[in-house]
Amino acid sequence: MGKLIKITPDLEVSVVEWPEGAGYKFLQEQIGGHIEHVRPVRLYEWLKKRNLPEHYCMLVDEEGLLKDLPFNPLGSYLYKTDQHGCPIAGPILIVQETEDDFVPIAAMDFGELLMLLKLIIGSLGGGNYVSR
């Protein structure tokens, strides 16, 4: 069993247990729709400064805007919406990616990654932490 990090539009951070053997359907349930894989470019910049691996990605609801889901300030910041104008709506998931799959966040990186995300959220002016 592993973990992923979920952040809602109101910047609530949850640690979600990823059951052994769970896959794409589990991720769809967590995101609330069809998954779109996006590159959190600013997260990579923060990770690089701390010498952490950059093999993490952000999963979003690909129909978030069509569903009129609320704007996600962290997701949009990490995705550099301010530079290209395409916002992230709804919750986001932070997971590890391999060449051909999404997997739970590596245990040895989890604490630092969670702390870094909370630091970024703090710099955006908010956030609550909830552990599941």
N, C-alpha and C. Protein backbone atom coordinates (compact mmCIF):
# COMPACT_ATOMS: atom_id res chain seq x y z
N MET A 1 0.85 -1.18 0.00
CA MET A 1 0.00 0.00 0.00
C MET A 1 0.89 1.24 0.00
N GLY A 2 0.48 2.24 -0.76
CA GLY A 2 1.22 3.49 -0.82
C GLY A 2 0.30 4.66 -0.58
N LYS A 3 0.79 5.85 -0.90
CA LYS A 3 0.02 7.06 -0.66
C LYS A 3 0.13 8.00 -1.84
N LEU A 4 -0.89 8.85 -1.95
CA LEU A 4 -0.87 9.96 -2.89
C LEU A 4 -1.33 11.18 -2.13
N ILE A 5 -1.15 12.34 -2.74
CA ILE A 5 -1.56 13.59 -2.11
C ILE A 5 -2.66 14.20 -2.95
N LYS A 6 -3.74 14.58 -2.27
CA LYS A 6 -4.89 15.21 -2.93
C LYS A 6 -5.06 16.62 -2.38
N ILE A 7 -5.24 17.59 -3.28
CA ILE A 7 -5.43 18.97 -2.86
C ILE A 7 -6.69 19.51 -3.53
N THR A 8 -7.61 19.99 -2.72
CA THR A 8 -8.89 20.51 -3.21
C THR A 8 -8.75 21.98 -3.62
N PRO A 9 -9.75 22.51 -4.31
CA PRO A 9 -9.70 23.93 -4.69
C PRO A 9 -9.61 24.89 -3.50
N ASP A 10 -10.11 24.46 -2.33
CA ASP A 10 -9.98 25.34 -1.15
C ASP A 10 -8.67 25.08 -0.41
N LEU A 11 -7.72 24.41 -1.07
CA LEU A 11 -6.35 24.15 -0.59
C LEU A 11 -6.29 23.23 0.62
N GLU A 12 -7.27 22.34 0.73
CA GLU A 12 -7.22 21.30 1.76
C GLU A 12 -6.36 20.16 1.23
N VAL A 13 -5.37 19.79 2.01
CA VAL A 13 -4.43 18.74 1.62
C VAL A 13 -4.80 17.46 2.35
N SER A 14 -4.96 16.36 1.58
CA SER A 14 -5.27 15.06 2.15
C SER A 14 -4.22 14.05 1.72
N VAL A 15 -3.86 13.19 2.64
CA VAL A 15 -3.03 12.03 2.32
C VAL A 15 -3.99 10.87 2.11
N VAL A 16 -3.97 10.31 0.92
CA VAL A 16 -4.91 9.25 0.56
C VAL A 16 -4.14 7.93 0.43
N GLU A 17 -4.61 6.91 1.13
CA GLU A 17 -4.01 5.58 1.02
C GLU A 17 -4.34 4.99 -0.33
N TRP A 18 -3.35 4.45 -0.99
CA TRP A 18 -3.50 3.83 -2.31
C TRP A 18 -3.45 2.33 -2.10
N PRO A 19 -4.61 1.65 -2.13
CA PRO A 19 -4.64 0.21 -1.87
C PRO A 19 -3.79 -0.60 -2.86
N GLU A 20 -3.20 -1.65 -2.35
CA GLU A 20 -2.40 -2.56 -3.19
C GLU A 20 -3.24 -3.04 -4.37
N GLY A 21 -2.69 -2.94 -5.56
CA GLY A 21 -3.38 -3.42 -6.76
C GLY A 21 -4.36 -2.44 -7.38
N ALA A 22 -4.63 -1.32 -6.68
CA ALA A 22 -5.56 -0.33 -7.23
C ALA A 22 -4.90 0.39 -8.39
N GLY A 23 -5.69 0.75 -9.38
CA GLY A 23 -5.13 1.39 -10.57
C GLY A 23 -5.93 2.58 -11.03
N TYR A 24 -6.13 2.64 -12.33
CA TYR A 24 -6.74 3.78 -12.99
C TYR A 24 -8.13 4.11 -12.42
N LYS A 25 -8.95 3.09 -12.19
CA LYS A 25 -10.31 3.32 -11.67
C LYS A 25 -10.26 3.99 -10.29
N PHE A 26 -9.32 3.56 -9.46
CA PHE A 26 -9.14 4.17 -8.14
C PHE A 26 -8.81 5.66 -8.29
N LEU A 27 -7.91 5.98 -9.22
CA LEU A 27 -7.52 7.38 -9.44
C LEU A 27 -8.71 8.19 -9.96
N GLN A 28 -9.50 7.60 -10.86
CA GLN A 28 -10.70 8.29 -11.36
C GLN A 28 -11.66 8.60 -10.22
N GLU A 29 -11.83 7.66 -9.30
CA GLU A 29 -12.72 7.88 -8.16
C GLU A 29 -12.20 9.03 -7.29
N GLN A 30 -10.90 9.10 -7.11
CA GLN A 30 -10.31 10.16 -6.29
C GLN A 30 -10.46 11.53 -6.94
N ILE A 31 -10.35 11.58 -8.26
CA ILE A 31 -10.41 12.86 -8.98
C ILE A 31 -11.86 13.24 -9.31
N GLY A 32 -12.75 12.26 -9.39
CA GLY A 32 -14.15 12.53 -9.66
C GLY A 32 -14.50 12.59 -11.14
N GLY A 33 -13.68 11.97 -11.97
CA GLY A 33 -13.96 11.99 -13.41
C GLY A 33 -12.83 11.40 -14.21
N HIS A 34 -12.79 11.75 -15.48
CA HIS A 34 -11.73 11.26 -16.36
C HIS A 34 -10.42 11.97 -16.04
N ILE A 35 -9.36 11.21 -16.02
CA ILE A 35 -8.05 11.74 -15.62
C ILE A 35 -7.34 12.40 -16.79
N GLU A 36 -6.77 13.57 -16.49
CA GLU A 36 -5.83 14.20 -17.41
C GLU A 36 -4.51 14.34 -16.69
N HIS A 37 -3.46 13.92 -17.35
CA HIS A 37 -2.10 13.98 -16.81
C HIS A 37 -1.49 15.30 -17.23
N VAL A 38 -1.09 16.13 -16.28
CA VAL A 38 -0.47 17.41 -16.60
C VAL A 38 0.86 17.53 -15.88
N ARG A 39 1.72 18.34 -16.43
CA ARG A 39 3.06 18.56 -15.87
C ARG A 39 3.04 19.77 -14.94
N PRO A 40 3.28 19.55 -13.65
CA PRO A 40 3.34 20.66 -12.71
C PRO A 40 4.72 21.33 -12.77
N VAL A 41 4.94 22.15 -13.78
CA VAL A 41 6.26 22.70 -14.08
C VAL A 41 6.87 23.42 -12.88
N ARG A 42 6.08 24.19 -12.17
CA ARG A 42 6.63 24.90 -11.01
C ARG A 42 7.00 23.94 -9.88
N LEU A 43 6.30 22.84 -9.75
CA LEU A 43 6.69 21.85 -8.75
C LEU A 43 8.09 21.33 -9.07
N TYR A 44 8.35 21.08 -10.34
CA TYR A 44 9.68 20.60 -10.73
C TYR A 44 10.76 21.61 -10.35
N GLU A 45 10.45 22.89 -10.51
CA GLU A 45 11.41 23.93 -10.14
C GLU A 45 11.71 23.88 -8.64
N TRP A 46 10.67 23.72 -7.82
CA TRP A 46 10.84 23.64 -6.37
C TRP A 46 11.61 22.36 -6.00
N LEU A 47 11.28 21.25 -6.65
CA LEU A 47 11.96 19.98 -6.36
C LEU A 47 13.44 20.06 -6.70
N LYS A 48 13.74 20.66 -7.82
CA LYS A 48 15.13 20.78 -8.26
C LYS A 48 15.96 21.57 -7.24
N LYS A 49 15.38 22.65 -6.69
CA LYS A 49 16.08 23.46 -5.69
C LYS A 49 16.43 22.66 -4.44
N ARG A 50 15.64 21.61 -4.17
CA ARG A 50 15.83 20.80 -2.96
C ARG A 50 16.47 19.44 -3.26
N ASN A 51 16.96 19.28 -4.48
CA ASN A 51 17.60 18.03 -4.91
C ASN A 51 16.71 16.81 -4.71
N LEU A 52 15.41 17.00 -4.96
CA LEU A 52 14.46 15.88 -4.91
C LEU A 52 14.17 15.42 -6.33
N PRO A 53 13.82 14.16 -6.50
CA PRO A 53 13.52 13.67 -7.86
C PRO A 53 12.32 14.37 -8.46
N GLU A 54 12.33 14.48 -9.78
CA GLU A 54 11.27 15.19 -10.49
C GLU A 54 10.29 14.23 -11.17
N HIS A 55 10.15 13.02 -10.66
CA HIS A 55 9.28 12.05 -11.32
C HIS A 55 7.86 12.03 -10.75
N TYR A 56 7.37 13.20 -10.42
CA TYR A 56 6.01 13.34 -9.92
C TYR A 56 5.18 14.08 -10.95
N CYS A 57 3.89 13.81 -10.94
CA CYS A 57 3.01 14.50 -11.87
C CYS A 57 1.72 14.87 -11.16
N MET A 58 0.90 15.60 -11.88
CA MET A 58 -0.37 16.06 -11.34
C MET A 58 -1.48 15.46 -12.21
N LEU A 59 -2.47 14.89 -11.56
CA LEU A 59 -3.64 14.36 -12.26
C LEU A 59 -4.83 15.25 -11.92
N VAL A 60 -5.59 15.60 -12.95
CA VAL A 60 -6.75 16.48 -12.78
C VAL A 60 -7.94 15.87 -13.51
N ASP A 61 -9.12 16.41 -13.26
CA ASP A 61 -10.32 16.01 -13.99
C ASP A 61 -10.27 16.70 -15.34
N GLU A 62 -10.17 15.91 -16.42
CA GLU A 62 -10.03 16.52 -17.75
C GLU A 62 -11.25 17.34 -18.15
N GLU A 63 -12.37 17.14 -17.48
CA GLU A 63 -13.58 17.89 -17.78
C GLU A 63 -13.91 18.89 -16.67
N GLY A 64 -12.92 19.20 -15.84
CA GLY A 64 -13.15 20.10 -14.71
C GLY A 64 -13.76 21.43 -15.10
N LEU A 65 -13.26 22.02 -16.16
CA LEU A 65 -13.81 23.31 -16.61
C LEU A 65 -15.21 23.15 -17.18
N LEU A 66 -15.45 22.07 -17.95
CA LEU A 66 -16.78 21.82 -18.51
C LEU A 66 -17.81 21.57 -17.42
N LYS A 67 -17.37 20.93 -16.33
CA LYS A 67 -18.25 20.65 -15.20
C LYS A 67 -18.43 21.86 -14.29
N ASP A 68 -17.74 22.94 -14.63
CA ASP A 68 -17.77 24.17 -13.83
C ASP A 68 -17.29 23.93 -12.40
N LEU A 69 -16.25 23.08 -12.26
CA LEU A 69 -15.66 22.85 -10.95
C LEU A 69 -14.89 24.11 -10.52
N PRO A 70 -14.73 24.30 -9.22
CA PRO A 70 -14.04 25.50 -8.75
C PRO A 70 -12.57 25.53 -9.15
N PHE A 71 -12.07 26.72 -9.37
CA PHE A 71 -10.68 27.00 -9.70
C PHE A 71 -9.77 26.44 -8.60
N ASN A 72 -8.71 25.76 -8.98
CA ASN A 72 -7.76 25.24 -8.00
C ASN A 72 -6.50 26.12 -8.07
N PRO A 73 -6.29 26.97 -7.07
CA PRO A 73 -5.16 27.89 -7.13
C PRO A 73 -3.80 27.19 -7.12
N LEU A 74 -3.65 26.12 -6.35
CA LEU A 74 -2.37 25.42 -6.33
C LEU A 74 -2.12 24.73 -7.66
N GLY A 75 -3.11 23.99 -8.15
CA GLY A 75 -2.96 23.31 -9.43
C GLY A 75 -2.63 24.28 -10.55
N SER A 76 -3.31 25.41 -10.55
CA SER A 76 -3.08 26.41 -11.59
C SER A 76 -1.71 27.05 -11.45
N TYR A 77 -1.27 27.29 -10.23
CA TYR A 77 0.08 27.83 -10.00
C TYR A 77 1.14 26.85 -10.50
N LEU A 78 1.02 25.58 -10.08
CA LEU A 78 2.01 24.58 -10.48
C LEU A 78 2.04 24.37 -11.99
N TYR A 79 0.90 24.51 -12.63
CA TYR A 79 0.77 24.30 -14.07
C TYR A 79 1.13 25.55 -14.89
N LYS A 80 1.44 26.63 -14.22
CA LYS A 80 1.80 27.92 -14.83
C LYS A 80 0.65 28.51 -15.67
N THR A 81 -0.55 28.43 -15.12
CA THR A 81 -1.72 29.00 -15.79
C THR A 81 -1.52 30.47 -16.11
N ASP A 82 -0.81 31.19 -15.25
CA ASP A 82 -0.58 32.61 -15.48
C ASP A 82 0.19 32.87 -16.78
N GLN A 83 0.87 31.85 -17.30
CA GLN A 83 1.64 32.03 -18.54
C GLN A 83 0.89 31.59 -19.79
N HIS A 84 -0.05 30.65 -19.65
CA HIS A 84 -0.74 30.16 -20.86
C HIS A 84 -2.26 30.27 -20.80
N GLY A 85 -2.81 30.62 -19.64
CA GLY A 85 -4.23 30.90 -19.54
C GLY A 85 -5.18 29.73 -19.37
N CYS A 86 -4.67 28.51 -19.24
CA CYS A 86 -5.54 27.34 -19.08
C CYS A 86 -5.55 26.93 -17.60
N PRO A 87 -6.62 27.27 -16.87
CA PRO A 87 -6.67 26.98 -15.44
C PRO A 87 -6.98 25.51 -15.12
N ILE A 88 -6.66 25.14 -13.91
CA ILE A 88 -7.00 23.83 -13.37
C ILE A 88 -8.22 24.00 -12.49
N ALA A 89 -9.23 23.16 -12.69
CA ALA A 89 -10.47 23.22 -11.92
C ALA A 89 -10.70 21.89 -11.23
N GLY A 90 -11.13 21.95 -9.98
CA GLY A 90 -11.39 20.74 -9.22
C GLY A 90 -10.17 20.28 -8.46
N PRO A 91 -10.28 19.12 -7.81
CA PRO A 91 -9.16 18.61 -7.02
C PRO A 91 -8.00 18.16 -7.91
N ILE A 92 -6.81 18.13 -7.32
CA ILE A 92 -5.64 17.60 -8.02
C ILE A 92 -5.07 16.46 -7.20
N LEU A 93 -4.42 15.54 -7.89
CA LEU A 93 -3.69 14.45 -7.24
C LEU A 93 -2.23 14.58 -7.61
N ILE A 94 -1.36 14.41 -6.64
CA ILE A 94 0.08 14.34 -6.90
C ILE A 94 0.47 12.88 -6.72
N VAL A 95 1.03 12.31 -7.78
CA VAL A 95 1.43 10.90 -7.79
C VAL A 95 2.81 10.80 -8.42
N GLN A 96 3.41 9.65 -8.28
CA GLN A 96 4.67 9.38 -8.95
C GLN A 96 4.36 8.78 -10.31
N GLU A 97 5.20 9.07 -11.30
CA GLU A 97 4.99 8.47 -12.61
C GLU A 97 6.21 7.65 -13.01
N THR A 98 5.93 6.57 -13.72
CA THR A 98 6.98 5.75 -14.30
C THR A 98 6.88 5.93 -15.82
N GLU A 99 7.63 5.18 -16.56
CA GLU A 99 7.57 5.30 -18.02
C GLU A 99 6.17 5.10 -18.57
N ASP A 100 5.40 4.19 -17.95
CA ASP A 100 4.09 3.87 -18.52
C ASP A 100 2.95 3.75 -17.52
N ASP A 101 3.13 4.31 -16.32
CA ASP A 101 2.08 4.15 -15.33
C ASP A 101 2.19 5.23 -14.25
N PHE A 102 1.15 5.31 -13.44
CA PHE A 102 1.14 6.14 -12.25
C PHE A 102 1.23 5.21 -11.06
N VAL A 103 2.02 5.57 -10.07
CA VAL A 103 2.23 4.74 -8.89
C VAL A 103 2.20 5.62 -7.64
N PRO A 104 2.08 5.00 -6.46
CA PRO A 104 2.12 5.79 -5.23
C PRO A 104 3.45 6.54 -5.10
N ILE A 105 3.43 7.58 -4.31
CA ILE A 105 4.63 8.37 -4.05
C ILE A 105 5.63 7.53 -3.27
N ALA A 106 6.88 7.58 -3.66
CA ALA A 106 7.93 6.81 -2.98
C ALA A 106 7.98 7.20 -1.50
N ALA A 107 8.00 6.19 -0.65
CA ALA A 107 7.98 6.41 0.80
C ALA A 107 9.11 7.32 1.25
N MET A 108 10.30 7.16 0.66
CA MET A 108 11.45 7.95 1.12
C MET A 108 11.31 9.43 0.75
N ASP A 109 10.47 9.76 -0.24
CA ASP A 109 10.28 11.16 -0.65
C ASP A 109 9.00 11.76 -0.10
N PHE A 110 8.10 10.93 0.42
CA PHE A 110 6.76 11.39 0.74
C PHE A 110 6.74 12.58 1.70
N GLY A 111 7.43 12.46 2.83
CA GLY A 111 7.41 13.52 3.84
C GLY A 111 7.92 14.84 3.30
N GLU A 112 9.02 14.81 2.57
CA GLU A 112 9.58 16.04 2.01
C GLU A 112 8.65 16.65 0.96
N LEU A 113 8.05 15.80 0.13
CA LEU A 113 7.13 16.30 -0.90
C LEU A 113 5.90 16.93 -0.26
N LEU A 114 5.35 16.29 0.75
CA LEU A 114 4.18 16.84 1.45
C LEU A 114 4.53 18.18 2.10
N MET A 115 5.68 18.24 2.76
CA MET A 115 6.11 19.48 3.40
C MET A 115 6.29 20.60 2.35
N LEU A 116 6.87 20.25 1.21
CA LEU A 116 7.09 21.21 0.15
C LEU A 116 5.76 21.75 -0.39
N LEU A 117 4.79 20.86 -0.60
CA LEU A 117 3.48 21.30 -1.09
C LEU A 117 2.80 22.23 -0.09
N LYS A 118 2.92 21.92 1.20
CA LYS A 118 2.33 22.79 2.23
C LYS A 118 3.03 24.15 2.25
N LEU A 119 4.34 24.16 2.02
CA LEU A 119 5.09 25.42 1.94
C LEU A 119 4.61 26.25 0.75
N ILE A 120 4.42 25.62 -0.39
CA ILE A 120 3.94 26.33 -1.58
C ILE A 120 2.53 26.88 -1.32
N ILE A 121 1.68 26.06 -0.72
CA ILE A 121 0.31 26.51 -0.41
C ILE A 121 0.36 27.71 0.53
N GLY A 122 1.24 27.65 1.53
CA GLY A 122 1.40 28.78 2.44
C GLY A 122 1.80 30.04 1.71
N SER A 123 2.65 29.90 0.70
CA SER A 123 3.08 31.07 -0.07
C SER A 123 1.93 31.63 -0.91
N LEU A 124 0.92 30.79 -1.17
CA LEU A 124 -0.26 31.24 -1.90
C LEU A 124 -1.32 31.82 -0.96
N GLY A 125 -1.08 31.70 0.34
CA GLY A 125 -1.97 32.33 1.31
C GLY A 125 -3.03 31.46 1.93
N GLY A 126 -2.79 30.14 2.07
CA GLY A 126 -3.81 29.34 2.74
C GLY A 126 -3.48 27.89 2.83
N GLY A 127 -4.50 27.13 3.19
CA GLY A 127 -4.38 25.69 3.21
C GLY A 127 -4.67 25.05 4.55
N ASN A 128 -5.24 23.87 4.47
CA ASN A 128 -5.53 23.04 5.65
C ASN A 128 -4.99 21.64 5.34
N TYR A 129 -4.56 20.96 6.39
CA TYR A 129 -4.02 19.62 6.23
C TYR A 129 -4.96 18.63 6.88
N VAL A 130 -5.35 17.61 6.13
CA VAL A 130 -6.21 16.54 6.64
C VAL A 130 -5.56 15.22 6.28
N SER A 131 -5.41 14.33 7.24
CA SER A 131 -4.83 13.01 6.95
C SER A 131 -5.95 12.00 6.91
N ARG A 132 -5.92 11.13 5.90
CA ARG A 132 -6.95 10.09 5.79
C ARG A 132 -6.34 8.75 6.02
